[in-house]
Amino acid sequence: MNTLRTILASLLVAPGFPVLAEPVDTAPVVVTASRLAETQDETLASVSVITREEIERIQPHSVVELLRLQAGVDVARNGGLGGNTSVFLRGANSDHTLVLIDGVRVSSATTGTFAWQHLDPAQIERIEIVRGPRASLYGSDALGGVIQIFTRRPAGATGRVGLGTHGTVRADAGFGGGRPAGLRYSGQASLIDSSGFDATQPGTFGHDPDDDGYRDESLNARIEAPLGETASLAVQGWHSNGLVEFDQGTQDTENEQAQLTLEQAPTAFWSQRLSAGYAGDIVITDSPFPSDIRTRRRSAEWQHDLSFGAGQILTLGVDYHEDEGRNVDLATGTRVFDRSIESSGAFAGYRAGFGRYDVQLAAREDDHSEFGGARTGSLALGVEAGALRLVASHGTAFKAPTLNQLFHPGFGGF
């Protein structure tokens, strides 16, 4: 791993609009565990939160260094910067973890895994890690748990440049602001560029005596505007383009994600959220076995939250996903496959507190165009015992097949 020493001071410009003081000594608010906003000590799930303050303190070279510090998380990386990276929650397979960026699924529709190696820490505002099955709320993939990344939202203007060994350059710049009418906006751009080093020893099979470099360019932006007194509309997007060199070839990877969200709270006890999302990836490998693999996912979600007395909340929702994938063998020009699949689901969740006792329930039914149907559920009970809190939970989950598993000849597909 390259050692980076920042030699140019960071530039931080204070925002030009008033910011309300945040309360201190409060537990972080999480939304991934139950699809509802709750403090970390309220949820009955096993949750870890990585804040922007921690990222600034750790100064990680990659997201790998952040995840390795978390309980129940194992990380494996093949090589240095840009090397293929796998994340495992509670010992589950790497494709048994659901990965979200700002609420949108971003794992590849072909491999079922996310390209962690191209996620620049400069793009991250917060990470929520939920350990344990969550298929009863999210559907397929959430066996080991859910990891949700929230992209950076600077409060003002920021900038940083750093230089390091092996010709490494890191730079990022961001901005954020608002208007009295309630309009809020932010953006963040970042760059990692390294000449790298010769990753293999002379005499090894396939050795190429050159430096294996890496370059990643990332960008995210968000705009949110109020619609009257009870609603807001937000549009958000993230894009990453990473090029990694290895002996005998290169791999150029593009990942992107976007979402349009309408939130409304018509009454004090009812709120709803309607969103349309998109995620895509392009992986072009230039090697003795060249390939061009492209996938895209369109999604829609509609969630309602109903509040009752005594802290009771009922969540009802539906979602839909369409995955498309194409795999082309560039050596022969052969199209390995060009297929699509669809899935939809309906879910319900219930959360309540009764004195020292808390309960969370969830149930979901999914329908997959190739896999068929699946029903999942979860139950969690918590009780305060003095200074301790005892929690017991049970949940079921499933993994629907990927496009590779369904249609790639190498996986037995047709």
Protein backbone atom coordinates (compact mmCIF):
# COMPACT_ATOMS: atom_id res chain seq x y z
CA MET A 1 0.00 0.00 0.00
CA ASN A 2 1.39 3.38 -0.94
CA THR A 3 2.29 5.72 1.91
CA LEU A 4 0.78 9.15 1.47
CA ARG A 5 2.08 12.22 3.25
CA THR A 6 0.00 15.33 2.86
CA ILE A 7 2.36 18.25 2.22
CA LEU A 8 -0.10 20.93 1.20
CA ALA A 9 -2.38 22.27 3.93
CA SER A 10 -6.09 21.67 3.62
CA LEU A 11 -8.21 24.64 2.69
CA LEU A 12 -11.41 24.97 4.69
CA VAL A 13 -13.77 27.86 4.03
CA ALA A 14 -16.61 28.38 6.48
CA PRO A 15 -20.12 28.34 5.03
CA GLY A 16 -21.70 31.70 4.33
CA PHE A 17 -25.03 30.87 5.95
CA PRO A 18 -26.04 30.18 9.56
CA VAL A 19 -25.87 26.62 10.79
CA LEU A 20 -27.88 25.43 13.76
CA ALA A 21 -25.79 24.03 16.59
CA GLU A 22 -25.98 20.27 16.86
CA PRO A 23 -26.82 18.73 20.23
CA VAL A 24 -23.89 17.05 21.92
CA ASP A 25 -23.54 13.69 23.61
CA THR A 26 -26.29 12.04 21.58
CA ALA A 27 -26.15 8.64 19.91
CA PRO A 28 -25.82 8.68 16.10
CA VAL A 29 -29.06 8.48 14.14
CA VAL A 30 -29.29 5.45 11.83
CA VAL A 31 -31.84 4.66 9.13
CA THR A 32 -30.65 1.38 7.62
CA ALA A 33 -31.58 -1.08 10.36
CA SER A 34 -35.36 -0.58 10.20
CA ARG A 35 -35.79 1.85 7.26
CA LEU A 36 -36.70 4.43 9.91
CA ALA A 37 -34.71 7.16 11.62
CA GLU A 38 -33.72 5.97 15.10
CA THR A 39 -30.76 6.49 17.38
CA GLN A 40 -28.11 3.81 17.53
CA ASP A 41 -29.06 2.91 21.10
CA GLU A 42 -32.76 2.58 20.18
CA THR A 43 -32.35 0.01 17.44
CA LEU A 44 -32.40 -3.69 18.31
CA ALA A 45 -30.02 -4.52 15.47
CA SER A 46 -26.24 -4.78 15.70
CA VAL A 47 -25.19 -1.51 14.06
CA SER A 48 -21.89 0.32 13.62
CA VAL A 49 -21.57 3.86 12.31
CA ILE A 50 -18.48 5.38 10.70
CA THR A 51 -18.80 9.16 10.76
CA ARG A 52 -17.03 11.81 8.72
CA GLU A 53 -15.20 12.87 11.87
CA GLU A 54 -13.73 9.37 12.20
CA ILE A 55 -12.71 9.35 8.54
CA GLU A 56 -10.88 12.66 9.01
CA ARG A 57 -9.15 11.32 12.10
CA ILE A 58 -8.07 8.01 10.54
CA GLN A 59 -7.07 9.50 7.16
CA PRO A 60 -7.51 6.17 5.32
CA HIS A 61 -5.94 5.49 1.93
CA SER A 62 -8.95 3.35 0.99
CA VAL A 63 -12.30 2.28 2.40
CA VAL A 64 -10.63 -1.04 3.30
CA GLU A 65 -8.89 0.62 6.25
CA LEU A 66 -12.24 1.87 7.58
CA LEU A 67 -14.11 -1.42 7.31
CA ARG A 68 -11.32 -3.52 8.83
CA LEU A 69 -11.74 -1.65 12.10
CA GLN A 70 -15.36 -2.75 12.51
CA ALA A 71 -16.53 -5.79 14.49
CA GLY A 72 -17.83 -8.67 12.40
CA VAL A 73 -16.35 -7.31 9.16
CA ASP A 74 -13.59 -9.07 7.21
CA VAL A 75 -11.96 -7.56 4.14
CA ALA A 76 -9.78 -9.20 1.47
CA ARG A 77 -7.94 -7.23 -1.20
CA ASN A 78 -5.95 -8.59 -4.13
CA GLY A 79 -2.96 -6.27 -4.47
CA GLY A 80 -2.61 -2.56 -3.78
CA LEU A 81 -4.76 0.42 -4.74
CA GLY A 82 -7.48 -0.63 -7.17
CA GLY A 83 -7.07 -4.34 -6.46
CA ASN A 84 -10.25 -6.41 -6.32
CA THR A 85 -11.75 -6.07 -2.84
CA SER A 86 -14.26 -8.31 -1.07
CA VAL A 87 -16.16 -7.55 2.15
CA PHE A 88 -17.62 -10.24 4.39
CA LEU A 89 -20.16 -9.67 7.19
CA ARG A 90 -20.28 -12.25 9.96
CA GLY A 91 -18.56 -14.82 7.75
CA ALA A 92 -21.16 -14.70 4.97
CA ASN A 93 -20.08 -14.68 1.33
CA SER A 94 -19.11 -11.34 -0.17
CA ASP A 95 -22.24 -11.37 -2.36
CA HIS A 96 -24.41 -12.01 0.70
CA THR A 97 -24.08 -8.40 1.86
CA LEU A 98 -26.48 -5.81 0.49
CA VAL A 99 -24.64 -2.60 -0.43
CA LEU A 100 -26.51 0.69 -0.77
CA ILE A 101 -25.34 4.16 -1.73
CA ASP A 102 -27.83 6.76 -0.53
CA GLY A 103 -30.54 4.10 -0.55
CA VAL A 104 -29.83 2.63 -4.01
CA ARG A 105 -28.53 -0.92 -4.58
CA VAL A 106 -25.09 -0.71 -6.19
CA SER A 107 -23.82 -4.30 -6.25
CA SER A 108 -23.20 -5.54 -9.79
CA ALA A 109 -26.09 -7.39 -11.41
CA THR A 110 -23.56 -9.87 -12.87
CA THR A 111 -21.19 -10.66 -9.98
CA GLY A 112 -23.47 -9.69 -7.10
CA THR A 113 -20.64 -7.78 -5.41
CA PHE A 114 -19.70 -4.10 -5.15
CA ALA A 115 -16.46 -2.57 -6.47
CA TRP A 116 -15.21 -1.39 -3.07
CA GLN A 117 -11.77 -0.67 -4.55
CA HIS A 118 -13.17 2.32 -6.45
CA LEU A 119 -14.95 3.98 -3.51
CA ASP A 120 -12.80 6.96 -2.48
CA PRO A 121 -13.07 7.80 1.26
CA ALA A 122 -13.18 11.48 0.22
CA GLN A 123 -16.66 10.75 -1.19
CA ILE A 124 -18.07 9.36 2.07
CA GLU A 125 -20.06 11.27 4.68
CA ARG A 126 -21.11 8.28 6.77
CA ILE A 127 -21.27 4.48 6.65
CA GLU A 128 -23.88 2.40 8.47
CA ILE A 129 -23.13 -1.30 8.95
CA VAL A 130 -26.03 -3.52 10.01
CA ARG A 131 -25.03 -7.07 10.94
CA GLY A 132 -27.51 -9.92 10.59
CA PRO A 133 -30.22 -10.81 8.06
CA ARG A 134 -32.35 -7.92 6.77
CA ALA A 135 -34.15 -9.60 3.85
CA SER A 136 -37.48 -9.00 5.61
CA LEU A 137 -37.06 -5.30 4.79
CA TYR A 138 -34.76 -5.26 1.76
CA GLY A 139 -35.22 -8.56 -0.07
CA SER A 140 -32.44 -10.53 -1.74
CA ASP A 141 -28.74 -10.27 -0.80
CA ALA A 142 -29.17 -9.10 2.82
CA LEU A 143 -28.08 -12.39 4.45
CA GLY A 144 -24.95 -11.30 6.29
CA GLY A 145 -26.23 -7.76 6.66
CA VAL A 146 -26.47 -4.37 4.99
CA ILE A 147 -23.83 -1.71 4.42
CA GLN A 148 -25.10 1.71 3.41
CA ILE A 149 -22.79 4.50 2.26
CA PHE A 150 -23.99 8.10 2.46
CA THR A 151 -22.13 10.36 0.06
CA ARG A 152 -20.32 13.49 1.18
CA ARG A 153 -22.36 16.64 1.78
CA PRO A 154 -19.99 19.50 2.65
CA ALA A 155 -21.48 22.41 4.59
CA GLY A 156 -19.26 24.93 2.80
CA ALA A 157 -16.21 24.99 0.53
CA THR A 158 -13.45 22.45 1.19
CA GLY A 159 -10.27 21.43 -0.59
CA ARG A 160 -7.23 19.24 -0.06
CA VAL A 161 -4.20 18.13 -2.07
CA GLY A 162 -1.61 15.54 -1.09
CA LEU A 163 1.50 13.98 -2.63
CA GLY A 164 3.10 10.67 -1.77
CA THR A 165 5.47 7.93 -2.80
CA HIS A 166 5.26 6.11 -6.16
CA GLY A 167 4.08 9.31 -7.83
CA THR A 168 0.85 9.32 -5.85
CA VAL A 169 -1.43 12.35 -5.96
CA ARG A 170 -4.66 12.75 -4.00
CA ALA A 171 -6.96 15.72 -4.32
CA ASP A 172 -10.54 16.53 -3.41
CA ALA A 173 -12.74 19.60 -3.41
CA GLY A 174 -16.31 20.17 -2.36
CA PHE A 175 -18.94 22.80 -1.83
CA GLY A 176 -22.28 23.12 -0.11
CA GLY A 177 -24.81 25.77 0.66
CA GLY A 178 -28.41 26.78 0.88
CA ARG A 179 -30.95 29.50 0.29
CA PRO A 180 -33.41 31.15 2.68
CA ALA A 181 -36.29 29.51 0.80
CA GLY A 182 -34.96 26.12 1.89
CA LEU A 183 -33.02 25.05 -1.20
CA ARG A 184 -29.92 23.04 -0.28
CA TYR A 185 -27.12 21.85 -2.52
CA SER A 186 -23.73 20.14 -2.27
CA GLY A 187 -21.08 18.51 -4.43
CA GLN A 188 -17.78 16.69 -4.03
CA ALA A 189 -15.05 15.76 -6.53
CA SER A 190 -11.97 13.66 -5.82
CA LEU A 191 -8.95 12.20 -7.57
CA ILE A 192 -6.47 9.43 -6.80
CA ASP A 193 -3.56 8.97 -9.22
CA SER A 194 -0.58 6.70 -8.56
CA SER A 195 2.20 5.42 -10.81
CA GLY A 196 2.31 2.32 -8.62
CA PHE A 197 5.09 -0.24 -8.51
CA ASP A 198 5.97 -3.62 -10.02
CA ALA A 199 3.55 -5.89 -8.19
CA THR A 200 5.16 -9.24 -9.11
CA GLN A 201 8.65 -10.68 -8.72
CA PRO A 202 10.85 -11.48 -11.73
CA GLY A 203 10.56 -15.12 -12.68
CA THR A 204 6.92 -15.46 -11.64
CA PHE A 205 4.38 -16.61 -14.22
CA GLY A 206 3.17 -13.74 -16.40
CA HIS A 207 5.61 -11.23 -14.90
CA ASP A 208 5.71 -7.90 -16.71
CA PRO A 209 8.59 -5.64 -15.54
CA ASP A 210 6.66 -2.39 -15.33
CA ASP A 211 4.90 -0.31 -12.69
CA ASP A 212 1.22 -1.11 -12.17
CA GLY A 213 -0.55 2.19 -11.63
CA TYR A 214 -4.02 3.27 -10.56
CA ARG A 215 -6.27 6.25 -11.21
CA ASP A 216 -9.74 7.02 -9.89
CA GLU A 217 -11.94 10.04 -10.56
CA SER A 218 -15.12 10.41 -8.50
CA LEU A 219 -17.94 12.92 -8.27
CA ASN A 220 -21.19 13.27 -6.35
CA ALA A 221 -23.83 16.00 -6.18
CA ARG A 222 -27.15 16.62 -4.48
CA ILE A 223 -29.93 19.24 -4.68
CA GLU A 224 -32.93 19.32 -2.35
CA ALA A 225 -35.85 21.74 -2.50
CA PRO A 226 -38.95 22.14 -0.33
CA LEU A 227 -42.40 21.70 -1.86
CA GLY A 228 -44.67 23.66 0.41
CA GLU A 229 -44.70 23.09 4.15
CA THR A 230 -44.88 19.29 4.22
CA ALA A 231 -42.87 17.94 1.27
CA SER A 232 -39.43 18.02 -0.32
CA LEU A 233 -37.89 16.85 -3.58
CA ALA A 234 -34.26 15.75 -3.88
CA VAL A 235 -32.05 14.55 -6.72
CA GLN A 236 -28.67 12.97 -6.04
CA GLY A 237 -25.99 11.17 -8.04
CA TRP A 238 -22.54 9.56 -7.70
CA HIS A 239 -20.05 8.51 -10.38
CA SER A 240 -16.66 6.81 -10.19
CA ASN A 241 -14.21 5.91 -12.96
CA GLY A 242 -11.28 3.72 -11.93
CA LEU A 243 -8.43 2.43 -14.09
CA VAL A 244 -6.13 -0.20 -12.61
CA GLU A 245 -3.04 -1.65 -14.30
CA PHE A 246 -1.79 -5.18 -13.77
CA ASP A 247 0.71 -7.46 -15.49
CA GLN A 248 -0.46 -8.17 -19.05
CA GLY A 249 -3.38 -5.75 -18.99
CA THR A 250 -5.65 -3.09 -17.55
CA GLN A 251 -9.19 -2.90 -16.21
CA ASP A 252 -11.32 0.21 -16.64
CA THR A 253 -14.36 0.36 -14.34
CA GLU A 254 -17.19 2.88 -14.22
CA ASN A 255 -19.76 2.85 -11.43
CA GLU A 256 -22.66 5.25 -11.12
CA GLN A 257 -25.80 5.77 -9.11
CA ALA A 258 -28.63 8.31 -9.10
CA GLN A 259 -31.91 8.81 -7.27
CA LEU A 260 -34.93 11.10 -7.34
CA THR A 261 -36.81 11.22 -4.03
CA LEU A 262 -40.08 12.80 -2.96
CA GLU A 263 -40.78 12.92 0.78
CA GLN A 264 -44.03 14.11 2.30
CA ALA A 265 -45.55 14.26 5.79
CA PRO A 266 -49.24 15.11 5.22
CA THR A 267 -50.09 14.66 8.91
CA ALA A 268 -48.31 14.31 12.22
CA PHE A 269 -48.79 10.53 12.18
CA TRP A 270 -48.29 9.72 8.48
CA SER A 271 -45.28 10.23 6.20
CA GLN A 272 -44.40 8.74 2.84
CA ARG A 273 -41.36 8.44 0.63
CA LEU A 274 -41.41 7.78 -3.13
CA SER A 275 -38.14 7.26 -5.00
CA ALA A 276 -36.84 6.23 -8.40
CA GLY A 277 -33.26 4.99 -8.61
CA TYR A 278 -30.62 3.94 -11.12
CA ALA A 279 -27.31 2.12 -10.77
CA GLY A 280 -24.92 0.94 -13.45
CA ASP A 281 -21.42 -0.37 -13.99
CA ILE A 282 -19.13 -0.87 -16.98
CA VAL A 283 -16.06 -3.10 -16.70
CA ILE A 284 -13.72 -3.25 -19.71
CA THR A 285 -10.78 -5.61 -19.31
CA ASP A 286 -7.82 -5.39 -21.71
CA SER A 287 -5.90 -8.63 -21.22
CA PRO A 288 -5.27 -11.95 -22.99
CA PHE A 289 -8.97 -12.59 -22.24
CA PRO A 290 -10.53 -9.18 -23.00
CA SER A 291 -14.16 -8.49 -22.16
CA ASP A 292 -16.76 -5.72 -22.03
CA ILE A 293 -19.35 -6.18 -19.28
CA ARG A 294 -22.16 -3.67 -18.72
CA THR A 295 -25.05 -3.76 -16.27
CA ARG A 296 -27.74 -1.35 -15.17
CA ARG A 297 -30.49 -1.46 -12.59
CA ARG A 298 -33.66 0.61 -12.48
CA SER A 299 -35.61 0.70 -9.24
CA ALA A 300 -38.62 2.29 -7.58
CA GLU A 301 -39.75 2.33 -3.94
CA TRP A 302 -42.81 3.61 -2.11
CA GLN A 303 -42.77 3.57 1.68
CA HIS A 304 -45.36 4.72 4.22
CA ASP A 305 -44.71 5.24 7.94
CA LEU A 306 -47.68 5.41 10.33
CA SER A 307 -47.11 6.55 13.92
CA PHE A 308 -49.36 5.53 16.80
CA GLY A 309 -49.28 6.16 20.52
CA ALA A 310 -46.65 4.77 22.88
CA GLY A 311 -43.89 5.04 20.26
CA GLN A 312 -45.46 2.55 17.88
CA ILE A 313 -44.58 2.88 14.17
CA LEU A 314 -45.94 0.76 11.33
CA THR A 315 -43.99 0.75 8.06
CA LEU A 316 -45.55 -0.44 4.79
CA GLY A 317 -43.85 -0.43 1.42
CA VAL A 318 -43.37 -1.87 -2.04
CA ASP A 319 -40.35 -1.88 -4.35
CA TYR A 320 -39.40 -2.94 -7.87
CA HIS A 321 -36.08 -3.66 -9.58
CA GLU A 322 -35.14 -4.40 -13.18
CA ASP A 323 -31.60 -5.65 -13.86
CA GLU A 324 -30.04 -5.71 -17.32
CA GLY A 325 -26.64 -7.13 -18.22
CA ARG A 326 -24.50 -7.68 -21.30
CA ASN A 327 -21.23 -9.59 -21.54
CA VAL A 328 -19.12 -9.44 -24.72
CA ASP A 329 -15.94 -11.44 -25.40
CA LEU A 330 -13.75 -8.83 -27.11
CA ALA A 331 -11.30 -11.45 -28.42
CA THR A 332 -13.95 -13.05 -30.63
CA GLY A 333 -16.66 -10.39 -30.68
CA THR A 334 -19.07 -12.95 -29.28
CA ARG A 335 -21.94 -11.79 -27.10
CA VAL A 336 -21.85 -14.18 -24.13
CA PHE A 337 -25.27 -13.01 -22.94
CA ASP A 338 -27.59 -10.01 -23.07
CA ARG A 339 -30.44 -10.60 -20.66
CA SER A 340 -32.62 -8.94 -18.04
CA ILE A 341 -34.52 -9.97 -14.91
CA GLU A 342 -37.19 -8.33 -12.76
CA SER A 343 -38.10 -8.53 -9.10
CA SER A 344 -40.69 -6.90 -6.87
CA GLY A 345 -41.52 -7.03 -3.20
CA ALA A 346 -43.91 -5.87 -0.51
CA PHE A 347 -42.84 -5.43 3.11
CA ALA A 348 -44.18 -4.42 6.50
CA GLY A 349 -42.37 -3.48 9.69
CA TYR A 350 -43.53 -2.71 13.21
CA ARG A 351 -41.59 -1.07 16.03
CA ALA A 352 -42.83 -0.33 19.54
CA GLY A 353 -41.59 0.36 23.04
CA PHE A 354 -43.45 -0.64 26.19
CA GLY A 355 -41.57 0.60 29.22
CA ARG A 356 -38.45 -1.53 29.59
CA TYR A 357 -39.43 -3.67 26.61
CA ASP A 358 -38.91 -3.04 22.89
CA VAL A 359 -40.09 -5.09 19.94
CA GLN A 360 -39.38 -4.98 16.21
CA LEU A 361 -41.15 -7.15 13.64
CA ALA A 362 -40.83 -7.32 9.86
CA ALA A 363 -42.16 -9.50 7.04
CA ARG A 364 -41.71 -9.44 3.29
CA GLU A 365 -42.74 -11.29 0.15
CA ASP A 366 -40.65 -11.17 -3.03
CA ASP A 367 -41.37 -12.25 -6.59
CA HIS A 368 -38.48 -12.84 -9.01
CA SER A 369 -38.93 -13.38 -12.75
CA GLU A 370 -36.46 -16.31 -12.81
CA PHE A 371 -36.01 -17.41 -9.21
CA GLY A 372 -39.67 -17.41 -8.17
CA GLY A 373 -41.03 -16.25 -4.84
CA ALA A 374 -39.60 -15.95 -1.34
CA ARG A 375 -41.06 -15.05 2.04
CA THR A 376 -38.88 -13.74 4.84
CA GLY A 377 -39.43 -12.44 8.34
CA SER A 378 -37.63 -11.17 11.42
CA LEU A 379 -38.33 -10.66 15.11
CA ALA A 380 -36.29 -8.81 17.73
CA LEU A 381 -37.02 -8.34 21.44
CA GLY A 382 -35.13 -6.08 23.82
CA VAL A 383 -35.36 -5.55 27.57
CA GLU A 384 -33.61 -3.06 29.84
CA ALA A 385 -31.95 -4.77 32.80
CA GLY A 386 -30.36 -2.06 34.88
CA ALA A 387 -27.38 -0.69 32.99
CA LEU A 388 -27.61 -3.55 30.49
CA ARG A 389 -29.84 -4.16 27.52
CA LEU A 390 -30.61 -7.74 26.54
CA VAL A 391 -31.60 -8.41 22.93
CA ALA A 392 -32.76 -11.60 21.22
CA SER A 393 -33.43 -11.71 17.48
CA HIS A 394 -34.22 -14.13 14.68
CA GLY A 395 -34.45 -13.57 10.94
CA THR A 396 -34.62 -15.39 7.62
CA ALA A 397 -33.05 -14.35 4.32
CA PHE A 398 -32.40 -15.54 0.77
CA LYS A 399 -30.11 -14.88 -2.18
CA ALA A 400 -31.57 -14.65 -5.70
CA PRO A 401 -29.23 -15.74 -8.54
CA THR A 402 -27.25 -13.10 -10.44
CA LEU A 403 -27.20 -12.66 -14.21
CA ASN A 404 -23.92 -14.59 -14.35
CA GLN A 405 -25.38 -17.51 -12.43
CA LEU A 406 -28.46 -17.56 -14.64
CA PHE A 407 -27.06 -16.96 -18.11
CA HIS A 408 -23.25 -17.21 -18.24
CA PRO A 409 -22.13 -20.58 -19.69
CA GLY A 410 -19.27 -20.72 -17.21
CA PHE A 411 -21.80 -20.76 -14.36
CA GLY A 412 -24.07 -23.32 -15.99
CA GLY A 413 -26.35 -20.67 -17.47
CA PHE A 414 -27.98 -20.94 -20.86
